[in-house]
Amino acid sequence: MGITLVPFSLVLGIWDTNGILLAVISGGIASGLGYVLWYAVLKHLTTVSAASIQLSVPVIAALGGVIFLTEPLTMTLVMASLTILGGIALVIRHRG
């Protein structure tokens, strides 16, 4: 969604150099730490487990929204997260 707002911000002249710099730095740090963690764990996983665990990313992102952005924790979110995590658990347990 953010990328769709770029043309409007250009027209309105609301670019803030400090804000852009902070966004790039925080994104770089978060991505860098995420990749370091993932590749440290990856060498201890089977191919099937690694591929299945990747499917947990939407659950992690949704829970991050609940924790850090005070998004509502709805029953739909809980049930969808449990369904995703349950499917991952079934694959890992069966193929592990």
Protein backbone atom coordinates (compact mmCIF):
# COMPACT_ATOMS: atom_id res chain seq x y z
CA MET A 1 0.00 0.00 0.00
CA GLY A 2 2.85 2.35 0.79
CA ILE A 3 4.17 2.29 -2.75
CA THR A 4 0.79 3.43 -4.08
CA LEU A 5 1.05 6.59 -1.99
CA VAL A 6 4.43 7.64 -3.42
CA PRO A 7 2.97 9.67 -6.34
CA PHE A 8 0.74 11.59 -3.93
CA SER A 9 3.63 12.38 -1.64
CA LEU A 10 5.66 13.64 -4.59
CA VAL A 11 2.84 15.97 -5.66
CA LEU A 12 2.25 17.23 -2.12
CA GLY A 13 5.97 17.63 -1.40
CA ILE A 14 5.85 15.77 1.90
CA TRP A 15 9.15 13.89 1.57
CA ASP A 16 11.22 14.13 4.71
CA THR A 17 14.88 13.22 4.24
CA ASN A 18 15.26 12.20 7.87
CA GLY A 19 12.16 9.98 7.66
CA ILE A 20 13.38 8.30 4.49
CA LEU A 21 16.80 7.68 6.03
CA LEU A 22 15.29 6.19 9.18
CA ALA A 23 12.96 3.96 7.15
CA VAL A 24 15.82 2.64 5.03
CA ILE A 25 18.04 2.02 8.06
CA SER A 26 15.33 0.30 10.11
CA GLY A 27 14.29 -1.83 7.13
CA GLY A 28 17.89 -2.80 6.48
CA ILE A 29 18.52 -3.71 10.10
CA ALA A 30 15.29 -5.71 10.43
CA SER A 31 15.89 -7.55 7.15
CA GLY A 32 19.53 -8.17 7.98
CA LEU A 33 18.75 -9.62 11.38
CA GLY A 34 15.96 -11.73 9.93
CA TYR A 35 18.26 -13.22 7.29
CA VAL A 36 21.02 -13.89 9.82
CA LEU A 37 18.56 -15.71 12.08
CA TRP A 38 16.98 -17.66 9.21
CA TYR A 39 20.28 -18.86 7.75
CA ALA A 40 21.59 -19.80 11.20
CA VAL A 41 18.54 -22.00 11.77
CA LEU A 42 18.29 -23.25 8.16
CA LYS A 43 21.35 -25.49 8.37
CA HIS A 44 19.65 -27.48 11.14
CA LEU A 45 16.42 -28.15 9.19
CA THR A 46 15.45 -30.62 6.52
CA THR A 47 14.27 -29.26 3.19
CA VAL A 48 10.65 -30.15 3.91
CA SER A 49 10.77 -28.60 7.37
CA ALA A 50 12.37 -25.40 6.09
CA ALA A 51 9.82 -25.04 3.30
CA SER A 52 6.94 -25.69 5.68
CA ILE A 53 8.19 -23.29 8.32
CA GLN A 54 8.32 -20.54 5.70
CA LEU A 55 4.53 -20.79 5.63
CA SER A 56 4.41 -19.41 9.19
CA VAL A 57 5.46 -15.93 8.02
CA PRO A 58 1.86 -14.61 7.71
CA VAL A 59 1.13 -15.77 11.28
CA ILE A 60 4.26 -14.04 12.59
CA ALA A 61 3.38 -10.85 10.71
CA ALA A 62 -0.20 -10.88 12.01
CA LEU A 63 0.97 -11.40 15.58
CA GLY A 64 3.47 -8.57 15.12
CA GLY A 65 0.55 -6.36 14.13
CA VAL A 66 -1.35 -7.36 17.25
CA ILE A 67 1.65 -6.80 19.54
CA PHE A 68 3.26 -3.70 18.04
CA LEU A 69 0.40 -1.95 16.22
CA THR A 70 -2.45 -2.81 18.58
CA GLU A 71 -4.38 -4.55 15.82
CA PRO A 72 -7.39 -6.44 17.19
CA LEU A 73 -6.90 -10.09 18.04
CA THR A 74 -10.03 -11.55 16.49
CA MET A 75 -11.31 -15.10 16.59
CA THR A 76 -10.81 -15.24 12.82
CA LEU A 77 -7.13 -14.41 13.23
CA VAL A 78 -6.72 -16.98 16.00
CA MET A 79 -8.47 -19.73 14.03
CA ALA A 80 -6.59 -18.94 10.80
CA SER A 81 -3.26 -18.91 12.66
CA LEU A 82 -4.04 -22.21 14.37
CA THR A 83 -5.03 -23.74 11.04
CA ILE A 84 -1.77 -22.62 9.39
CA LEU A 85 0.39 -23.74 12.31
CA GLY A 86 -1.51 -27.03 12.58
CA GLY A 87 -0.90 -27.73 8.89
CA ILE A 88 2.80 -26.97 9.32
CA ALA A 89 2.96 -29.28 12.33
CA LEU A 90 1.30 -32.08 10.36
CA VAL A 91 3.77 -31.77 7.50
CA ILE A 92 6.80 -31.63 9.76
CA ARG A 93 5.62 -34.52 11.89
CA HIS A 94 4.75 -36.66 8.89
CA ARG A 95 7.80 -35.85 6.74
CA GLY A 96 10.22 -34.56 9.42
